[in-house]
């Protein structure tokens, strides 16, 4: 009897068949995966852009419907805010439709927030967009017969125009917590005279320090929780009289409440010089020296401004310290004012009198007197600012002082008047959150 021989004929076909299926699956993942990724990227871009379009429309309404519409006017029941929300939704929907998405593919929603729960109130409009789409696949359905779906979202947040640093007149940004009399780590109020701040408050991200027999009083402020006397780091030897009483706050100032973009010194209407030095009977009138200009850029890394006498004046100017130069004004007559918002003073900054480059540390030392007048913001976020008075000054500083460390010292009464007419406001903000 002839024995039949075992053979493996036909097994290679089975292996090849399985290998073919695997190859098709990998090819499907590569081809269809690329299609899914491309569709998702396109959908995310459209969702982002649609949300931003809505945010832009809302910001335009908040900015233009009423030139005086500020943070304190914002509430979710106001007609201006409701109009802004309606404009945002319309703009976002129209953008989606214009980019090839049907109404069934996307949703647009808004949220208005007006919270008083924190020391620094939150007020904003969120514009939310979502796109859900199915990707038409070519090969992956061989191994998977379900839908291949993309779901993307975006949120744009719109914040109303507001006073810098929530309208506080004296602001120290140094977030120090080790508070003692040896240094100024935030805000120091001192001397033997009184400090009266009208229309604004005092806030220190770090320490609030008193020195001497000083008296501090905040008067004529809006009914706002965030304008008074506050500190986030600690307090040391407070002035015997402080009205209202200082408050310990668990929050530091939100960064977007005080950020100001620097001016453009390359603008053809910008004045670029090295420094300003005055003494004796020397005079400098910026309007006469630089007619129809609004921005003076100082390039010195030493004394950008040094004044021991003479007269220094200028109406409608931003003075920008580009480098690490200092300001030292110890005498003479000063009459300076920042540009106003109307007409737009390009390249000057509305409401900003002194702007110190945030990348540099400088020292600003201003000794005021009855012949000194300053109108506008002293903006020096990483500089040490000292304001002193050697005689009864009265309403000399119609300004807001924002520095890393700020000292208000003197042997005389010092008045700091905070007035929105002379100070800067942070513009309406539009930020893509996610």
Protein backbone atom coordinates (compact mmCIF):
# COMPACT_ATOMS: atom_id res chain seq x y z
CA UNK A 1 0.00 0.00 0.00
CA UNK A 2 1.37 3.35 -1.09
CA UNK A 3 1.67 5.89 1.74
CA UNK A 4 0.37 9.47 0.92
CA UNK A 5 2.93 12.21 1.53
CA UNK A 6 1.92 15.23 3.79
CA UNK A 7 2.19 18.62 2.10
CA UNK A 8 1.73 22.33 3.09
CA UNK A 9 0.46 23.29 -0.32
CA UNK A 10 -2.10 26.18 -0.03
CA UNK A 11 -0.95 27.63 3.32
CA UNK A 12 0.96 30.43 1.60
CA UNK A 13 -2.31 31.65 0.09
CA UNK A 14 -3.82 31.99 3.57
CA UNK A 15 -0.80 33.94 4.79
CA UNK A 16 -0.87 36.20 1.76
CA UNK A 17 -4.58 36.83 2.29
CA UNK A 18 -4.05 37.85 5.91
CA UNK A 19 -1.08 39.99 4.92
CA UNK A 20 -3.18 41.70 2.24
CA UNK A 21 -5.87 42.52 4.79
CA UNK A 22 -3.24 43.96 7.13
CA UNK A 23 -1.70 45.99 4.32
CA UNK A 24 -5.13 47.32 3.35
CA UNK A 25 -5.78 48.26 6.97
CA UNK A 26 -2.47 50.10 7.25
CA UNK A 27 -3.05 51.79 3.92
CA UNK A 28 -6.50 52.79 5.12
CA UNK A 29 -5.07 54.22 8.32
CA UNK A 30 -2.46 56.15 6.39
CA UNK A 31 -4.75 57.51 3.68
CA UNK A 32 -7.94 57.99 5.67
CA UNK A 33 -6.02 59.09 8.77
CA UNK A 34 -4.48 61.88 6.71
CA UNK A 35 -7.95 62.84 5.47
CA UNK A 36 -9.30 62.89 9.02
CA UNK A 37 -6.38 65.01 10.22
CA UNK A 38 -6.78 67.42 7.31
CA UNK A 39 -10.52 67.76 7.93
CA UNK A 40 -9.92 68.30 11.64
CA UNK A 41 -7.31 70.97 11.04
CA UNK A 42 -9.60 72.76 8.59
CA UNK A 43 -12.50 72.53 11.05
CA UNK A 44 -10.36 73.81 13.96
CA UNK A 45 -9.13 76.74 11.89
CA UNK A 46 -12.70 77.57 10.93
CA UNK A 47 -13.91 77.24 14.52
CA UNK A 48 -11.11 79.50 15.78
CA UNK A 49 -11.67 82.07 13.06
CA UNK A 50 -15.45 82.02 13.51
CA UNK A 51 -15.09 82.54 17.25
CA UNK A 52 -12.63 85.38 16.65
CA UNK A 53 -14.98 86.95 14.11
CA UNK A 54 -17.68 86.94 16.76
CA UNK A 55 -15.27 88.38 19.31
CA UNK A 56 -14.26 91.14 16.92
CA UNK A 57 -17.88 92.10 16.32
CA UNK A 58 -18.62 92.20 20.06
CA UNK A 59 -15.49 94.25 20.76
CA UNK A 60 -16.40 96.71 18.01
CA UNK A 61 -19.83 97.25 19.52
CA UNK A 62 -18.44 97.71 23.04
CA UNK A 63 -15.78 100.12 21.79
CA UNK A 64 -17.85 102.21 19.40
CA UNK A 65 -21.39 102.32 20.74
CA UNK A 66 -20.35 104.63 23.53
CA UNK A 67 -16.87 106.10 23.80
CA UNK A 68 -17.29 106.31 27.58
CA UNK A 69 -18.42 102.69 27.96
CA UNK A 70 -15.98 101.26 30.48
CA UNK A 71 -15.59 98.32 32.79
CA UNK A 72 -17.87 99.79 35.45
CA UNK A 73 -20.67 100.23 32.89
CA UNK A 74 -20.57 96.57 31.85
CA UNK A 75 -23.43 94.39 33.05
CA UNK A 76 -25.01 91.44 31.33
CA UNK A 77 -28.44 93.06 31.24
CA UNK A 78 -27.41 96.27 29.50
CA UNK A 79 -28.57 97.02 25.97
CA UNK A 80 -25.00 97.63 24.81
CA UNK A 81 -23.84 94.21 26.03
CA UNK A 82 -26.89 92.47 24.56
CA UNK A 83 -26.29 94.15 21.21
CA UNK A 84 -22.64 93.07 21.36
CA UNK A 85 -23.69 89.47 22.03
CA UNK A 86 -26.17 89.51 19.13
CA UNK A 87 -23.51 90.96 16.81
CA UNK A 88 -21.04 88.29 17.91
CA UNK A 89 -23.41 85.43 17.23
CA UNK A 90 -24.36 86.81 13.81
CA UNK A 91 -20.72 87.34 12.79
CA UNK A 92 -19.67 83.84 13.91
CA UNK A 93 -22.58 82.15 12.10
CA UNK A 94 -21.99 84.10 8.90
CA UNK A 95 -18.31 83.19 8.96
CA UNK A 96 -19.07 79.48 9.29
CA UNK A 97 -21.60 79.56 6.46
CA UNK A 98 -19.19 81.50 4.23
CA UNK A 99 -16.55 78.81 4.79
CA UNK A 100 -18.69 75.97 3.51
CA UNK A 101 -20.23 74.62 6.70
CA UNK A 102 -23.97 74.05 6.88
CA UNK A 103 -26.08 75.04 9.86
CA UNK A 104 -26.23 71.35 10.82
CA UNK A 105 -22.43 71.19 11.12
CA UNK A 106 -21.86 73.83 13.80
CA UNK A 107 -23.22 75.61 16.83
CA UNK A 108 -22.51 79.10 18.15
CA UNK A 109 -23.21 80.09 21.75
CA UNK A 110 -22.28 82.99 24.02
CA UNK A 111 -21.82 83.46 27.73
CA UNK A 112 -21.84 86.77 29.59
CA UNK A 113 -20.04 86.95 32.94
CA UNK A 114 -20.35 89.79 35.44
CA UNK A 115 -19.01 88.46 38.72
CA UNK A 116 -18.54 90.36 41.96
CA UNK A 117 -17.25 87.38 43.91
CA UNK A 118 -13.56 88.33 43.75
CA UNK A 119 -11.72 91.50 44.67
CA UNK A 120 -10.97 92.07 41.01
CA UNK A 121 -14.27 91.67 39.26
CA UNK A 122 -14.59 89.49 36.19
CA UNK A 123 -16.54 90.97 33.30
CA UNK A 124 -16.44 89.47 29.83
CA UNK A 125 -18.30 87.85 26.96
CA UNK A 126 -17.30 84.38 25.72
CA UNK A 127 -18.08 83.41 22.13
CA UNK A 128 -18.09 79.61 21.77
CA UNK A 129 -18.08 77.72 18.48
CA UNK A 130 -18.27 73.99 17.85
CA UNK A 131 -18.01 72.10 14.55
CA UNK A 132 -18.94 68.42 14.16
CA UNK A 133 -18.21 66.81 10.79
CA UNK A 134 -18.00 63.31 9.30
CA UNK A 135 -15.00 62.44 7.14
CA UNK A 136 -15.68 60.38 4.01
CA UNK A 137 -13.25 57.44 4.17
CA UNK A 138 -11.92 55.27 1.35
CA UNK A 139 -10.32 52.15 2.81
CA UNK A 140 -10.73 52.13 6.57
CA UNK A 141 -14.34 50.92 6.25
CA UNK A 142 -12.93 47.52 5.32
CA UNK A 143 -12.07 46.97 8.98
CA UNK A 144 -14.34 49.59 10.58
CA UNK A 145 -17.89 50.39 9.49
CA UNK A 146 -18.73 53.19 11.97
CA UNK A 147 -18.67 56.97 11.31
CA UNK A 148 -15.37 58.83 11.42
CA UNK A 149 -16.20 62.10 13.14
CA UNK A 150 -14.33 65.28 14.05
CA UNK A 151 -15.49 67.49 16.92
CA UNK A 152 -13.65 70.79 17.52
CA UNK A 153 -14.36 73.81 19.73
CA UNK A 154 -13.06 77.34 20.23
CA UNK A 155 -13.71 80.14 22.71
CA UNK A 156 -12.91 83.83 22.29
CA UNK A 157 -13.14 86.10 25.34
CA UNK A 158 -13.96 89.79 25.01
CA UNK A 159 -13.26 92.13 27.93
CA UNK A 160 -14.53 95.72 27.97
CA UNK A 161 -12.31 98.78 27.94
CA UNK A 162 -11.19 99.56 31.47
CA UNK A 163 -8.90 101.88 33.44
CA UNK A 164 -5.37 100.58 33.83
CA UNK A 165 -4.91 98.55 37.01
CA UNK A 166 -8.64 98.79 37.77
CA UNK A 167 -8.38 102.53 38.33
CA UNK A 168 -5.95 102.46 41.24
CA UNK A 169 -3.88 105.65 41.29
CA UNK A 170 -0.75 104.20 42.95
CA UNK A 171 0.25 100.67 41.95
CA UNK A 172 3.30 98.60 42.99
CA UNK A 173 3.72 95.42 40.93
CA UNK A 174 6.48 93.78 43.00
CA UNK A 175 4.88 90.61 44.47
CA UNK A 176 7.16 90.54 47.54
CA UNK A 177 5.98 88.90 50.75
CA UNK A 178 8.89 89.54 53.12
CA UNK A 179 7.84 92.98 54.34
CA UNK A 180 10.09 95.16 56.47
CA UNK A 181 11.22 98.76 56.67
CA UNK A 182 14.60 98.13 55.04
CA UNK A 183 13.35 98.27 51.47
CA UNK A 184 10.40 99.20 49.32
CA UNK A 185 8.78 96.02 48.08
CA UNK A 186 5.58 97.20 46.51
CA UNK A 187 4.22 100.53 47.81
CA UNK A 188 5.66 102.77 50.54
CA UNK A 189 3.84 105.81 51.88
CA UNK A 190 5.87 107.98 54.20
CA UNK A 191 6.99 111.30 55.56
CA UNK A 192 5.47 113.80 57.92
CA UNK A 193 2.84 115.19 55.59
CA UNK A 194 -0.45 113.89 54.30
CA UNK A 195 -1.17 112.00 51.09
CA UNK A 196 -4.55 112.55 49.54
CA UNK A 197 -5.56 110.50 46.53
CA UNK A 198 -8.67 111.65 44.74
CA UNK A 199 -10.58 109.41 42.35
CA UNK A 200 -8.35 106.33 42.64
CA UNK A 201 -6.86 103.92 45.13
CA UNK A 202 -3.62 102.26 46.23
CA UNK A 203 -2.75 98.66 45.43
CA UNK A 204 0.42 96.68 46.08
CA UNK A 205 1.03 93.22 44.64
CA UNK A 206 3.47 92.82 47.52
CA UNK A 207 4.04 94.94 50.61
CA UNK A 208 2.34 98.09 51.84
CA UNK A 209 4.75 99.98 54.05
CA UNK A 210 4.32 103.16 56.05
CA UNK A 211 7.03 105.50 57.23
CA UNK A 212 6.82 108.33 59.74
CA UNK A 213 3.63 110.06 60.82
CA UNK A 214 2.01 110.01 57.40
CA UNK A 215 -1.71 110.24 56.82
CA UNK A 216 -3.41 108.73 53.78
CA UNK A 217 -6.93 109.40 52.58
CA UNK A 218 -8.70 108.15 49.46
CA UNK A 219 -11.56 110.44 48.40
CA UNK A 220 -14.19 110.73 45.68
CA UNK A 221 -13.92 107.23 44.31
CA UNK A 222 -16.54 105.21 42.48
CA UNK A 223 -18.48 102.61 44.43
CA UNK A 224 -16.19 99.78 43.38
CA UNK A 225 -14.82 97.01 45.57
CA UNK A 226 -11.41 97.12 43.92
CA UNK A 227 -10.64 100.79 44.54
CA UNK A 228 -9.42 101.55 48.05
CA UNK A 229 -6.18 100.55 49.77
CA UNK A 230 -5.16 96.94 49.20
CA UNK A 231 -2.09 94.73 49.39
CA UNK A 232 -1.45 91.10 48.44
CA UNK A 233 1.88 90.47 50.18
CA UNK A 234 1.84 92.01 53.64
CA UNK A 235 1.84 95.24 55.61
CA UNK A 236 4.53 96.85 57.71
CA UNK A 237 4.21 99.88 59.98
CA UNK A 238 1.20 101.37 58.22
CA UNK A 239 0.59 105.10 58.45
CA UNK A 240 -1.28 105.95 61.66
CA UNK A 241 -4.22 107.23 59.64
CA UNK A 242 -5.29 105.40 56.48
CA UNK A 243 -8.79 105.98 55.11
CA UNK A 244 -10.27 103.59 54.14
CA UNK A 245 -8.56 100.90 56.18
CA UNK A 246 -6.09 98.78 54.15
CA UNK A 247 -7.36 95.39 53.03
CA UNK A 248 -5.36 92.18 52.75
CA UNK A 249 -6.14 90.66 49.34
CA UNK A 250 -5.37 87.11 48.26
CA UNK A 251 -5.00 88.11 44.59
CA UNK A 252 -2.40 90.10 42.71
CA UNK A 253 -3.40 92.39 39.89
CA UNK A 254 -4.26 90.42 36.73
CA UNK A 255 -1.55 91.08 34.18
CA UNK A 256 -3.97 92.02 31.42
CA UNK A 257 -5.28 94.86 33.58
CA UNK A 258 -2.09 96.89 33.30
CA UNK A 259 -0.21 95.77 30.18
CA UNK A 260 0.40 98.62 27.71
CA UNK A 261 2.07 98.01 24.36
CA UNK A 262 5.14 100.22 23.82
CA UNK A 263 5.05 103.11 21.37
CA UNK A 264 6.67 102.88 17.95
CA UNK A 265 9.86 104.92 17.84
CA UNK A 266 10.37 104.02 14.17
CA UNK A 267 7.24 105.94 13.21
CA UNK A 268 8.08 108.88 10.93
CA UNK A 269 6.47 111.29 13.39
CA UNK A 270 8.44 110.01 16.39
CA UNK A 271 11.18 112.24 17.82
CA UNK A 272 14.35 110.29 18.69
CA UNK A 273 16.91 112.04 20.89
CA UNK A 274 19.39 110.85 23.49
CA UNK A 275 18.34 112.72 26.63
CA UNK A 276 16.87 115.86 28.15
CA UNK A 277 19.00 117.89 30.58
CA UNK A 278 17.90 121.17 32.14
CA UNK A 279 19.40 123.37 34.83
CA UNK A 280 19.56 127.01 35.85
CA UNK A 281 17.39 129.12 33.56
CA UNK A 282 17.29 126.71 30.64
CA UNK A 283 13.90 126.05 29.05
CA UNK A 284 12.46 123.34 26.82
CA UNK A 285 8.98 123.57 25.34
CA UNK A 286 8.34 120.33 23.47
CA UNK A 287 5.53 121.89 21.42
CA UNK A 288 7.87 124.59 20.15
CA UNK A 289 10.81 122.25 19.61
CA UNK A 290 8.75 119.50 17.97
CA UNK A 291 5.50 120.95 16.58
CA UNK A 292 2.71 118.50 15.68
CA UNK A 293 4.55 115.63 17.37
CA UNK A 294 3.27 113.41 20.17
CA UNK A 295 6.10 110.98 20.95
CA UNK A 296 9.62 111.67 22.21
CA UNK A 297 11.90 108.61 22.45
CA UNK A 298 14.95 108.92 24.72
CA UNK A 299 17.85 106.55 24.00
CA UNK A 300 20.14 107.22 26.95
CA UNK A 301 21.15 104.41 29.28
CA UNK A 302 22.21 106.96 31.91
CA UNK A 303 20.17 110.01 32.79
CA UNK A 304 17.43 110.07 30.18
CA UNK A 305 15.92 113.10 31.93
CA UNK A 306 17.88 115.13 34.47
CA UNK A 307 16.41 118.40 35.64
CA UNK A 308 17.74 120.53 38.49
CA UNK A 309 16.25 123.83 37.35
CA UNK A 310 14.77 125.68 34.40
CA UNK A 311 11.41 125.11 32.74
CA UNK A 312 10.18 121.95 31.03
CA UNK A 313 6.79 121.91 29.30
CA UNK A 314 4.88 120.00 26.67
CA UNK A 315 1.19 119.51 25.89
CA UNK A 316 0.15 116.16 24.38
CA UNK A 317 3.36 114.10 24.60
CA UNK A 318 4.35 110.56 25.50
CA UNK A 319 7.97 110.44 26.67
CA UNK A 320 9.42 106.96 26.14
CA UNK A 321 12.58 105.69 27.85
CA UNK A 322 13.74 103.06 25.36
CA UNK A 323 16.70 101.84 27.40
CA UNK A 324 17.63 101.70 31.06
CA UNK A 325 17.83 105.47 31.46
CA UNK A 326 16.62 107.20 34.61
CA UNK A 327 14.41 110.21 35.28
CA UNK A 328 15.63 112.65 37.94
CA UNK A 329 13.64 115.85 38.43
CA UNK A 330 14.71 117.72 41.55
CA UNK A 331 13.91 121.34 40.73
CA UNK A 332 12.57 123.80 38.21
CA UNK A 333 9.11 124.27 36.73
CA UNK A 334 7.40 121.33 35.03
CA UNK A 335 4.15 121.43 33.03
CA UNK A 336 3.67 118.21 31.06
CA UNK A 337 0.57 116.46 29.77
CA UNK A 338 -0.04 113.22 27.91
CA UNK A 339 -1.81 112.99 24.55
CA UNK A 340 -5.60 112.81 24.64
CA UNK A 341 -7.49 110.05 22.88
CA UNK A 342 -9.12 112.37 20.30
CA UNK A 343 -7.70 113.06 17.83
CA UNK A 344 -5.66 109.87 17.83
CA UNK A 345 -2.11 110.99 18.57
CA UNK A 346 -0.04 108.44 16.62
CA UNK A 347 2.57 107.49 17.56
CA UNK A 348 1.94 108.86 21.06
CA UNK A 349 -0.06 106.81 23.55
CA UNK A 350 -3.32 108.35 24.82
CA UNK A 351 -3.07 109.08 28.52
CA UNK A 352 0.55 107.88 28.89
CA UNK A 353 2.94 110.63 29.95
CA UNK A 354 6.08 108.61 30.81
CA UNK A 355 6.60 105.10 29.46
CA UNK A 356 9.59 103.09 30.70
CA UNK A 357 10.58 100.06 28.64
CA UNK A 358 9.30 97.02 30.61
CA UNK A 359 12.46 95.10 29.70
CA UNK A 360 14.63 97.52 31.65
CA UNK A 361 14.93 98.54 35.27
CA UNK A 362 15.19 102.26 35.79
CA UNK A 363 14.85 104.78 38.59
CA UNK A 364 12.31 107.57 38.43
CA UNK A 365 12.72 110.23 41.09
CA UNK A 366 10.36 113.21 40.89
CA UNK A 367 10.37 115.98 43.48
CA UNK A 368 7.24 118.02 43.00
CA UNK A 369 6.49 121.56 44.07
CA UNK A 370 3.79 124.18 43.68
CA UNK A 371 5.04 124.97 40.18
CA UNK A 372 4.92 121.37 38.93
CA UNK A 373 2.09 119.88 36.90
CA UNK A 374 1.97 116.32 35.58
CA UNK A 375 -1.05 115.06 33.64
CA UNK A 376 -1.03 111.42 32.55
CA UNK A 377 0.20 107.97 33.54
CA UNK A 378 3.71 107.32 34.79
CA UNK A 379 4.05 103.78 33.42
CA UNK A 380 7.18 102.01 34.66
CA UNK A 381 6.26 98.36 35.37
CA UNK A 382 9.80 97.27 36.29
CA UNK A 383 11.20 100.57 37.56
CA UNK A 384 11.40 102.07 41.03
CA UNK A 385 9.34 105.26 41.19
CA UNK A 386 9.67 107.83 43.96
CA UNK A 387 7.43 110.88 44.20
CA UNK A 388 8.33 113.42 46.86
CA UNK A 389 7.24 116.88 47.87
CA UNK A 390 9.14 119.58 49.65
CA UNK A 391 6.36 122.15 49.83
CA UNK A 392 2.58 122.02 49.85
CA UNK A 393 2.03 120.70 46.38
CA UNK A 394 -1.72 120.67 46.00
CA UNK A 395 -3.15 119.12 42.84
CA UNK A 396 0.20 118.65 41.12
CA UNK A 397 0.09 114.99 40.13
CA UNK A 398 -3.01 114.51 37.98
CA UNK A 399 -1.75 111.07 37.24
CA UNK A 400 -1.60 107.36 37.81
CA UNK A 401 1.69 105.81 38.94
CA UNK A 402 2.38 102.19 37.94
CA UNK A 403 5.82 100.90 38.95
CA UNK A 404 7.63 97.87 40.30
CA UNK A 405 8.20 99.66 43.60
CA UNK A 406 6.47 102.98 44.24
CA UNK A 407 7.23 105.40 47.06
CA UNK A 408 5.18 108.49 47.86
CA UNK A 409 7.23 110.43 50.41
CA UNK A 410 7.66 113.95 51.63
CA UNK A 411 7.56 116.55 54.37
CA UNK A 412 4.53 118.26 52.84
CA UNK A 413 1.05 117.38 51.73
CA UNK A 414 0.99 115.50 48.43
CA UNK A 415 -2.15 115.33 46.34
CA UNK A 416 -2.50 112.75 43.58
CA UNK A 417 -5.61 113.25 41.49
CA UNK A 418 -6.69 110.29 39.39
CA UNK A 419 -8.85 111.45 36.50
CA UNK A 420 -9.89 109.34 33.49
CA UNK A 421 -9.68 112.50 31.41
CA UNK A 422 -5.89 112.49 31.78
CA UNK A 423 -5.14 108.82 32.27
CA UNK A 424 -5.01 105.85 29.96
CA UNK A 425 -7.55 103.08 29.56
CA UNK A 426 -6.79 99.56 28.50
CA UNK A 427 -8.57 98.95 25.16
CA UNK A 428 -11.24 96.33 24.63
CA UNK A 429 -9.45 92.95 24.69
CA UNK A 430 -10.14 90.04 22.33
CA UNK A 431 -8.33 86.80 23.21
CA UNK A 432 -8.70 83.31 21.77
CA UNK A 433 -8.87 81.23 24.93
CA UNK A 434 -8.83 77.75 23.39
